[in-house]
Amino acid sequence: MSLNWAPTELAYAIAYGATNGIGPCPGTNSVARNLVYSSLASYFNLTSPPPNRIELSDNVGAERYTSVRVPHQRKSFYGQGRWWVFYAAVVGESNYNLSYVTSHDNGLSFSVPTLVTTVPFVDASWALKYDSGRTNLHFIRIKGTTSPVYSGLEYRLGVPATDGTIAWNGASWQQVNALGNYTADPSVEVDSSGNVWTAWGNGNTTANTLVNKNSATDGTWANASGFPVTLTSSADGRMALLASLTNGMDAVTYKFASTNTQAISYVFTNGDNSFSSEGNVTDTNVNATIGTYAGVGRISCASSNGVVILTYQDTNQVIHVKSRGGDGTWGSETILASGVNTESSPQVALNGSEVVVVWGDPGKGGIYWSYNNGSWSSVSNYSCGIIAPSYEHVLIPQECNGTSMLLEWLTAGYETAVKVVPYR
């Protein structure tokens, strides 16, 4: 057996094993430490309960947003028999290493980090979409690292493998939006034909919402005819969530930067080759106040087989969920929770026909969720036991696998933590 770990990590594992017996490392469980334990346990045929959590990054003070701030952006997924978790770590005043780790044993251990690229800001400057049917990973990142920081947008295609590696298509990133153009909080989605769509705020607090579509499917980028499209007619500071439809794309826009309004849906139908507004699709205003750690709007969506699931937190701190059927009709809203923390930031994940909505309540130190496989369940929770000041932490779920989901949150020590838990 060969262990390629840093001497300090080996010393930690050996010292802990000598004094306490071999087992998962207590307290802060770094990736390397838990890999040491996992390897030793496998070699010596030991059994022990899995760690309470895995922390992916070291406490370096400034690293405090990592990957859990913008609910409409996806950062992790399940595919090829593994969980894949992407996160960023500070390496300077304006550059952050974006890396990923994987777990093949449902969260018991995670691999050592693999560097993907650098980004200008740790949380809102990148997003990904895994196309499980085609086993393709579509990656969007903001390029600019100098003023304006949020400048330019680039795309890359990768193919995740069962061994935890990613084969990237080509040697370079593909330009989507040129440097010098302010690009805020991008989202990315794949339509039924395998074409990639991305949306972003083309400006800061006075942003128009822009949507672009890639006509190529080979890893290069070529704007589809008529794209990019400006959805909003005035510079009103809107972001957009994308959801794939059977015959097009749904873009749900919302204001941000302390302006709370209802969300508006725009639908693009293949054949018509244009977006049409469906008007307001939320009953109440979306909480879009920028918090200490909850960036922009508390809203997210997901889609499958043409059905869109939308969840949001309103200005009265109530969690709502609703759906758009395959016939294009939006249903009535269901309230899942009331009186939540101002930065609870709900996110929705899909597992086949099941829906799971998850939100955090930093004031209570827990992650809460409800699932629907015919009707909404009572609320369940996972007590993190590590969340400090009530306003400083956002908790975000990721995609589901079987009856398990990956939870990701920011700890009191400003580290990204993950935990695989059953949702029912």
Protein backbone atom coordinates (compact mmCIF):
# COMPACT_ATOMS: atom_id res chain seq x y z
CA MET A 1 0.00 0.00 0.00
CA SER A 2 1.25 3.48 -0.87
CA LEU A 3 0.17 6.65 0.91
CA ASN A 4 1.09 9.93 -0.73
CA TRP A 5 0.16 12.33 2.08
CA ALA A 6 1.96 15.23 3.69
CA PRO A 7 4.14 14.20 6.67
CA THR A 8 2.07 16.36 9.03
CA GLU A 9 -1.09 14.54 8.03
CA LEU A 10 0.55 11.15 8.50
CA ALA A 11 1.92 12.26 11.85
CA TYR A 12 -1.55 13.42 12.87
CA ALA A 13 -3.09 10.08 11.93
CA ILE A 14 -0.35 8.05 13.61
CA ALA A 15 -0.39 10.15 16.79
CA TYR A 16 -4.16 10.02 16.99
CA GLY A 17 -4.20 6.29 16.36
CA ALA A 18 -1.54 5.67 18.97
CA THR A 19 -3.37 7.58 21.68
CA ASN A 20 -7.02 6.99 20.79
CA GLY A 21 -7.12 3.96 18.53
CA ILE A 22 -7.59 4.16 14.78
CA GLY A 23 -10.77 6.06 13.83
CA PRO A 24 -12.02 9.11 12.03
CA CYS A 25 -10.18 12.25 13.03
CA PRO A 26 -12.12 14.34 15.54
CA GLY A 27 -13.02 17.99 15.31
CA THR A 28 -11.98 19.51 12.02
CA ASN A 29 -11.92 16.67 9.50
CA SER A 30 -9.80 17.73 6.52
CA VAL A 31 -9.83 15.79 3.28
CA ALA A 32 -6.28 14.55 3.71
CA ARG A 33 -6.80 13.41 7.30
CA ASN A 34 -9.91 11.46 6.46
CA LEU A 35 -8.23 9.91 3.45
CA VAL A 36 -5.45 8.72 5.74
CA TYR A 37 -8.04 7.17 8.02
CA SER A 38 -9.98 5.67 5.11
CA SER A 39 -6.83 4.10 3.66
CA LEU A 40 -5.67 2.73 7.00
CA ALA A 41 -9.14 1.42 7.82
CA SER A 42 -9.35 -0.32 4.46
CA TYR A 43 -5.85 -1.80 4.80
CA PHE A 44 -6.43 -3.10 8.31
CA ASN A 45 -10.07 -4.04 7.67
CA LEU A 46 -11.32 -1.69 10.37
CA THR A 47 -14.87 -0.42 10.74
CA SER A 48 -16.03 2.79 12.36
CA PRO A 49 -18.84 5.34 11.96
CA PRO A 50 -18.18 7.90 9.21
CA PRO A 51 -16.96 11.38 10.18
CA ASN A 52 -19.59 13.92 11.16
CA ARG A 53 -18.48 16.10 8.29
CA ILE A 54 -15.61 16.70 5.91
CA GLU A 55 -14.08 20.17 5.71
CA LEU A 56 -12.59 20.83 2.31
CA SER A 57 -10.48 23.86 2.99
CA ASP A 58 -8.08 25.11 5.63
CA ASN A 59 -8.97 28.04 7.84
CA VAL A 60 -7.15 31.00 6.32
CA GLY A 61 -9.35 33.81 7.54
CA ALA A 62 -10.16 35.58 4.28
CA GLU A 63 -11.56 32.40 2.75
CA ARG A 64 -15.10 32.88 3.88
CA TYR A 65 -17.48 32.60 0.97
CA THR A 66 -16.06 29.51 -0.74
CA SER A 67 -18.89 27.92 -2.75
CA VAL A 68 -22.11 28.49 -0.84
CA ARG A 69 -23.51 31.95 -1.47
CA VAL A 70 -25.62 32.14 -4.64
CA PRO A 71 -28.54 29.67 -4.52
CA HIS A 72 -29.22 29.54 -8.26
CA GLN A 73 -25.70 28.34 -9.07
CA ARG A 74 -24.84 24.63 -8.90
CA LYS A 75 -21.44 23.68 -7.49
CA SER A 76 -21.61 19.91 -7.04
CA PHE A 77 -23.28 16.84 -8.53
CA TYR A 78 -23.50 13.05 -8.49
CA GLY A 79 -22.32 11.11 -11.54
CA GLN A 80 -20.21 8.17 -12.65
CA GLY A 81 -20.69 6.53 -9.25
CA ARG A 82 -19.26 9.47 -7.30
CA TRP A 83 -20.10 12.71 -5.57
CA TRP A 84 -18.19 15.64 -7.11
CA VAL A 85 -17.72 18.79 -5.00
CA PHE A 86 -16.20 21.99 -6.39
CA TYR A 87 -14.97 24.82 -4.16
CA ALA A 88 -12.56 27.76 -4.18
CA ALA A 89 -9.72 28.67 -1.82
CA VAL A 90 -8.04 32.03 -1.48
CA VAL A 91 -4.49 32.33 -2.86
CA GLY A 92 -4.15 36.10 -2.98
CA GLU A 93 -6.06 39.34 -2.96
CA SER A 94 -7.75 38.73 -6.33
CA ASN A 95 -7.17 35.10 -7.31
CA TYR A 96 -8.73 31.93 -5.95
CA ASN A 97 -7.93 28.32 -6.73
CA LEU A 98 -10.99 26.45 -7.93
CA SER A 99 -10.62 22.74 -7.16
CA TYR A 100 -12.75 19.64 -6.78
CA VAL A 101 -12.81 16.49 -4.71
CA THR A 102 -14.82 13.30 -5.21
CA SER A 103 -16.24 10.56 -3.02
CA HIS A 104 -16.89 7.02 -4.25
CA ASP A 105 -18.10 5.73 -0.86
CA ASN A 106 -21.09 8.04 -0.37
CA GLY A 107 -19.26 10.62 1.71
CA LEU A 108 -17.17 8.45 4.02
CA SER A 109 -14.01 9.86 2.44
CA PHE A 110 -13.06 12.33 -0.26
CA SER A 111 -10.15 12.40 -2.67
CA VAL A 112 -7.29 14.86 -2.55
CA PRO A 113 -8.16 18.14 -4.34
CA THR A 114 -7.62 18.54 -8.09
CA LEU A 115 -7.05 22.08 -9.35
CA VAL A 116 -9.32 23.18 -12.21
CA THR A 117 -8.56 26.88 -12.70
CA THR A 118 -8.42 30.23 -10.93
CA VAL A 119 -11.36 32.58 -10.54
CA PRO A 120 -11.55 36.25 -9.49
CA PHE A 121 -13.93 35.65 -6.59
CA VAL A 122 -14.62 32.54 -4.59
CA ASP A 123 -18.36 32.16 -4.75
CA ALA A 124 -20.41 33.91 -7.44
CA SER A 125 -17.94 33.82 -10.33
CA TRP A 126 -18.52 30.26 -11.53
CA ALA A 127 -21.25 27.68 -12.05
CA LEU A 128 -21.55 24.20 -13.50
CA LYS A 129 -24.11 21.83 -14.96
CA TYR A 130 -23.71 18.06 -15.20
CA ASP A 131 -25.61 16.48 -18.08
CA SER A 132 -26.06 12.96 -16.73
CA GLY A 133 -27.61 11.62 -19.93
CA ARG A 134 -24.54 12.56 -21.94
CA THR A 135 -22.07 12.43 -18.99
CA ASN A 136 -20.85 15.91 -19.88
CA LEU A 137 -19.83 18.62 -17.40
CA HIS A 138 -20.43 22.18 -18.56
CA PHE A 139 -18.43 24.85 -16.75
CA ILE A 140 -18.91 28.62 -16.83
CA ARG A 141 -16.44 31.01 -15.18
CA ILE A 142 -15.87 34.75 -15.00
CA LYS A 143 -12.48 35.49 -16.50
CA GLY A 144 -11.45 38.96 -15.33
CA THR A 145 -9.19 39.37 -12.31
CA THR A 146 -8.60 43.11 -12.67
CA SER A 147 -11.00 46.05 -12.79
CA PRO A 148 -13.78 45.41 -13.45
CA VAL A 149 -13.34 42.16 -11.54
CA TYR A 150 -16.57 40.64 -12.83
CA SER A 151 -15.47 40.87 -16.45
CA GLY A 152 -15.85 38.44 -19.32
CA LEU A 153 -17.32 34.94 -19.35
CA GLU A 154 -15.74 31.68 -20.49
CA TYR A 155 -16.96 28.13 -21.05
CA ARG A 156 -15.37 24.69 -20.98
CA LEU A 157 -16.62 21.14 -21.52
CA GLY A 158 -15.36 18.24 -19.44
CA VAL A 159 -16.16 14.54 -19.31
CA PRO A 160 -16.00 13.08 -15.76
CA ALA A 161 -14.72 9.50 -15.52
CA THR A 162 -15.47 6.72 -13.06
CA ASP A 163 -11.95 7.08 -11.56
CA GLY A 164 -12.60 10.67 -10.45
CA THR A 165 -10.70 12.41 -13.25
CA ILE A 166 -12.09 14.86 -15.80
CA ALA A 167 -11.07 14.88 -19.46
CA TRP A 168 -11.31 18.50 -20.58
CA ASN A 169 -12.14 19.21 -24.20
CA GLY A 170 -9.32 21.20 -25.76
CA ALA A 171 -6.57 23.18 -24.15
CA SER A 172 -8.34 26.51 -23.76
CA TRP A 173 -11.48 28.08 -22.37
CA GLN A 174 -14.00 29.38 -24.89
CA GLN A 175 -15.06 33.04 -24.81
CA VAL A 176 -18.77 33.69 -24.20
CA ASN A 177 -18.72 37.35 -23.13
CA ALA A 178 -15.70 39.57 -23.84
CA LEU A 179 -13.41 41.03 -21.20
CA GLY A 180 -14.36 44.54 -20.18
CA ASN A 181 -18.06 43.69 -19.99
CA TYR A 182 -19.33 43.38 -16.41
CA THR A 183 -20.67 39.85 -15.90
CA ALA A 184 -22.52 39.06 -12.68
CA ASP A 185 -23.54 35.73 -11.10
CA PRO A 186 -23.80 33.47 -14.18
CA SER A 187 -26.04 30.41 -14.38
CA VAL A 188 -25.78 27.52 -16.83
CA GLU A 189 -28.22 24.92 -18.19
CA VAL A 190 -28.41 22.28 -20.94
CA ASP A 191 -31.42 21.86 -23.21
CA SER A 192 -32.91 18.62 -24.53
CA SER A 193 -30.65 18.75 -27.59
CA GLY A 194 -27.45 19.08 -25.56
CA ASN A 195 -26.93 22.78 -26.28
CA VAL A 196 -25.59 24.90 -23.42
CA TRP A 197 -27.34 28.07 -22.27
CA THR A 198 -25.99 30.65 -19.84
CA ALA A 199 -27.50 33.78 -18.27
CA TRP A 200 -25.96 36.63 -16.31
CA GLY A 201 -26.44 40.20 -15.14
CA ASN A 202 -24.77 42.49 -17.65
CA GLY A 203 -23.79 45.10 -15.12
CA ASN A 204 -23.82 45.62 -11.38
CA THR A 205 -26.86 47.01 -9.55
CA THR A 206 -28.24 48.31 -12.86
CA ALA A 207 -27.83 45.03 -14.72
CA ASN A 208 -29.82 43.89 -17.72
CA THR A 209 -30.35 40.13 -17.85
CA LEU A 210 -28.58 38.54 -20.81
CA VAL A 211 -29.04 34.99 -22.07
CA ASN A 212 -26.72 33.25 -24.52
CA LYS A 213 -26.99 29.89 -26.27
CA ASN A 214 -24.21 27.77 -27.72
CA SER A 215 -24.94 26.35 -31.17
CA ALA A 216 -21.98 23.95 -30.86
CA THR A 217 -21.97 20.78 -28.77
CA ASP A 218 -18.31 19.76 -29.19
CA GLY A 219 -16.77 21.92 -26.46
CA THR A 220 -16.28 25.01 -28.60
CA TRP A 221 -18.53 28.05 -28.28
CA ALA A 222 -20.45 29.69 -31.12
CA ASN A 223 -23.37 32.01 -30.40
CA ALA A 224 -26.62 30.61 -31.73
CA SER A 225 -28.49 32.76 -34.24
CA GLY A 226 -30.11 35.72 -32.51
CA PHE A 227 -28.09 35.36 -29.31
CA PRO A 228 -27.21 36.79 -26.88
CA VAL A 229 -30.67 38.08 -25.96
CA THR A 230 -31.38 40.90 -23.53
CA LEU A 231 -34.42 39.86 -21.50
CA THR A 232 -35.13 42.96 -19.42
CA SER A 233 -36.01 46.20 -21.16
CA SER A 234 -34.44 48.45 -18.54
CA ALA A 235 -31.30 48.27 -16.45
CA ASP A 236 -33.07 47.17 -13.28
CA GLY A 237 -30.51 44.90 -11.67
CA ARG A 238 -31.86 41.45 -12.54
CA MET A 239 -30.28 38.01 -12.36
CA ALA A 240 -31.68 34.87 -14.04
CA LEU A 241 -32.19 31.18 -13.25
CA LEU A 242 -32.38 28.76 -16.17
CA ALA A 243 -34.56 25.64 -16.39
CA SER A 244 -34.67 23.33 -19.38
CA LEU A 245 -38.07 22.66 -20.98
CA THR A 246 -39.03 19.86 -23.35
CA ASN A 247 -39.12 22.29 -26.26
CA GLY A 248 -37.13 25.28 -25.09
CA MET A 249 -35.85 27.11 -22.00
CA ASP A 250 -37.35 28.96 -19.03
CA ALA A 251 -35.48 31.96 -17.62
CA VAL A 252 -36.78 33.18 -14.25
CA THR A 253 -35.46 36.63 -13.42
CA TYR A 254 -35.31 38.43 -10.09
CA LYS A 255 -33.90 41.69 -8.81
CA PHE A 256 -31.00 41.85 -6.41
CA ALA A 257 -28.97 44.38 -4.44
CA SER A 258 -31.56 45.10 -1.77
CA THR A 259 -34.47 45.47 -4.23
CA ASN A 260 -37.22 42.99 -3.39
CA THR A 261 -39.72 42.25 -6.17
CA GLN A 262 -41.64 39.29 -7.58
CA ALA A 263 -39.81 37.00 -10.00
CA ILE A 264 -40.69 37.14 -13.71
CA SER A 265 -40.54 34.13 -16.06
CA TYR A 266 -39.50 34.34 -19.72
CA VAL A 267 -40.01 31.28 -21.90
CA PHE A 268 -38.12 30.50 -25.10
CA THR A 269 -39.93 28.05 -27.37
CA ASN A 270 -38.05 26.29 -30.15
CA GLY A 271 -39.55 27.26 -33.47
CA ASP A 272 -40.66 30.67 -32.25
CA ASN A 273 -37.00 31.56 -31.64
CA SER A 274 -37.85 34.26 -29.13
CA PHE A 275 -38.62 34.76 -25.46
CA SER A 276 -42.09 35.63 -24.24
CA SER A 277 -42.89 36.89 -20.74
CA GLU A 278 -45.15 34.87 -18.43
CA GLY A 279 -45.30 37.76 -15.99
CA ASN A 280 -44.85 37.42 -12.24
CA VAL A 281 -44.45 33.79 -11.17
CA THR A 282 -44.07 34.28 -7.41
CA ASP A 283 -46.99 35.27 -5.19
CA THR A 284 -44.85 37.54 -3.04
CA ASN A 285 -41.55 39.42 -3.29
CA VAL A 286 -38.31 37.43 -3.34
CA ASN A 287 -35.92 38.30 -0.53
CA ALA A 288 -33.04 39.71 -2.56
CA THR A 289 -31.26 41.73 0.11
CA ILE A 290 -27.53 41.13 0.00
CA GLY A 291 -26.57 39.66 3.35
CA THR A 292 -23.24 39.07 4.98
CA TYR A 293 -23.00 35.66 3.36
CA ALA A 294 -26.24 35.15 1.43
CA GLY A 295 -25.64 36.79 -1.91
CA VAL A 296 -28.40 38.16 -4.14
CA GLY A 297 -31.81 36.44 -4.28
CA ARG A 298 -32.99 33.59 -2.06
CA ILE A 299 -34.38 31.65 -5.03
CA SER A 300 -33.49 28.56 -7.08
CA CYS A 301 -35.06 26.16 -9.56
CA ALA A 302 -34.57 22.76 -11.17
CA SER A 303 -36.26 20.94 -14.03
CA SER A 304 -36.83 17.44 -15.35
CA ASN A 305 -38.86 16.24 -18.34
CA GLY A 306 -40.18 19.73 -18.94
CA VAL A 307 -41.43 20.27 -15.36
CA VAL A 308 -39.88 23.22 -13.48
CA ILE A 309 -39.69 23.33 -9.68
CA LEU A 310 -39.16 26.80 -8.18
CA THR A 311 -38.45 27.62 -4.54
CA TYR A 312 -37.83 30.97 -2.89
CA GLN A 313 -37.70 32.82 0.42
CA ASP A 314 -39.86 35.93 0.68
CA THR A 315 -39.30 39.13 2.61
CA ASN A 316 -41.33 37.78 5.53
CA GLN A 317 -38.85 34.86 5.79
CA VAL A 318 -41.29 32.25 4.47
CA ILE A 319 -40.12 29.34 2.25
CA HIS A 320 -42.35 28.76 -0.81
CA VAL A 321 -42.30 26.11 -3.54
CA LYS A 322 -44.31 25.82 -6.78
CA SER A 323 -44.06 24.05 -10.14
CA ARG A 324 -44.62 24.66 -13.84
CA GLY A 325 -46.15 21.63 -15.53
CA GLY A 326 -45.27 20.27 -18.92
CA ASP A 327 -48.32 22.07 -20.31
CA GLY A 328 -46.80 25.44 -19.36
CA THR A 329 -49.15 26.12 -16.44
CA TRP A 330 -47.78 27.32 -13.11
CA GLY A 331 -49.44 25.67 -10.11
CA SER A 332 -50.27 27.18 -6.74
CA GLU A 333 -47.60 27.79 -4.12
CA THR A 334 -47.00 25.62 -1.07
CA ILE A 335 -45.48 27.05 2.11
CA LEU A 336 -42.86 24.75 3.58
CA ALA A 337 -41.66 26.86 6.53
CA SER A 338 -42.21 30.22 8.19
CA GLY A 339 -40.07 32.41 10.41
CA VAL A 340 -36.77 31.15 9.01
CA ASN A 341 -33.47 32.98 9.23
CA THR A 342 -33.11 35.98 6.90
CA GLU A 343 -30.33 34.14 5.03
CA SER A 344 -31.85 30.66 4.89
CA SER A 345 -31.61 30.61 1.05
CA PRO A 346 -33.64 27.56 -0.08
CA GLN A 347 -32.41 25.36 -2.90
CA VAL A 348 -34.19 22.60 -4.77
CA ALA A 349 -32.76 19.26 -5.93
CA LEU A 350 -34.35 16.50 -8.00
CA ASN A 351 -34.08 12.74 -7.69
CA GLY A 352 -36.08 11.25 -10.53
CA SER A 353 -39.70 12.17 -9.82
CA GLU A 354 -38.93 13.20 -6.23
CA VAL A 355 -38.28 16.79 -5.20
CA VAL A 356 -36.25 17.94 -2.19
CA VAL A 357 -36.16 21.53 -0.95
CA VAL A 358 -33.45 22.35 1.59
CA TRP A 359 -32.73 25.50 3.57
CA GLY A 360 -30.50 26.46 6.45
CA ASP A 361 -31.30 28.15 9.71
CA PRO A 362 -27.99 29.44 11.02
CA GLY A 363 -29.66 30.78 14.15
CA LYS A 364 -30.62 27.21 15.07
CA GLY A 365 -27.42 25.63 13.76
CA GLY A 366 -29.20 23.24 11.43
CA ILE A 367 -30.14 22.31 7.87
CA TYR A 368 -33.80 21.65 7.17
CA TRP A 369 -35.63 20.01 4.30
CA SER A 370 -38.90 18.63 3.00
CA TYR A 371 -39.31 16.17 0.14
CA ASN A 372 -42.18 15.36 -2.19
CA ASN A 373 -42.85 11.97 -3.77
CA GLY A 374 -46.56 12.62 -4.11
CA SER A 375 -47.04 15.05 -1.24
CA TRP A 376 -44.78 17.23 0.86
CA SER A 377 -43.28 15.54 3.91
CA SER A 378 -42.93 17.00 7.37
CA VAL A 379 -39.73 18.99 7.85
CA SER A 380 -36.57 17.06 8.78
CA ASN A 381 -33.26 18.47 9.89
CA TYR A 382 -29.55 17.78 10.26
CA SER A 383 -27.94 19.53 13.22
CA CYS A 384 -24.52 20.79 12.20
CA GLY A 385 -23.59 21.89 15.69
CA ILE A 386 -20.84 24.09 14.26
CA ILE A 387 -22.56 27.20 12.98
CA ALA A 388 -21.69 30.41 14.79
CA PRO A 389 -23.28 33.87 14.48
CA SER A 390 -26.80 33.53 13.15
CA TYR A 391 -26.34 35.85 10.18
CA GLU A 392 -23.09 34.53 8.80
CA HIS A 393 -23.74 31.17 7.20
CA VAL A 394 -25.59 29.82 4.21
CA LEU A 395 -26.37 26.16 3.74
CA ILE A 396 -27.03 24.74 0.31
CA PRO A 397 -28.07 21.26 -0.83
CA GLN A 398 -26.87 19.62 -3.98
CA GLU A 399 -28.20 16.92 -6.27
CA CYS A 400 -29.57 13.65 -4.93
CA ASN A 401 -28.50 10.05 -5.44
CA GLY A 402 -30.93 7.34 -4.47
CA THR A 403 -32.30 8.62 -1.17
CA SER A 404 -29.13 10.52 -0.24
CA MET A 405 -28.22 14.16 -0.82
CA LEU A 406 -25.05 16.16 -0.41
CA LEU A 407 -25.22 19.09 2.01
CA GLU A 408 -22.67 21.87 1.75
CA TRP A 409 -22.25 24.77 4.14
CA LEU A 410 -19.89 27.33 5.57
CA THR A 411 -18.58 26.68 9.06
CA ALA A 412 -17.88 29.10 11.88
CA GLY A 413 -14.22 28.86 10.83
CA TYR A 414 -15.04 30.02 7.27
CA GLU A 415 -14.48 26.60 5.75
CA THR A 416 -16.56 24.67 3.24
CA ALA A 417 -18.01 21.57 4.87
CA VAL A 418 -19.91 18.72 3.20
CA LYS A 419 -21.99 15.85 4.47
CA VAL A 420 -23.93 13.10 2.66
CA VAL A 421 -27.21 12.37 4.45
CA PRO A 422 -30.38 10.43 3.68
CA TYR A 423 -33.30 12.75 3.01
CA ARG A 424 -35.92 10.12 3.85
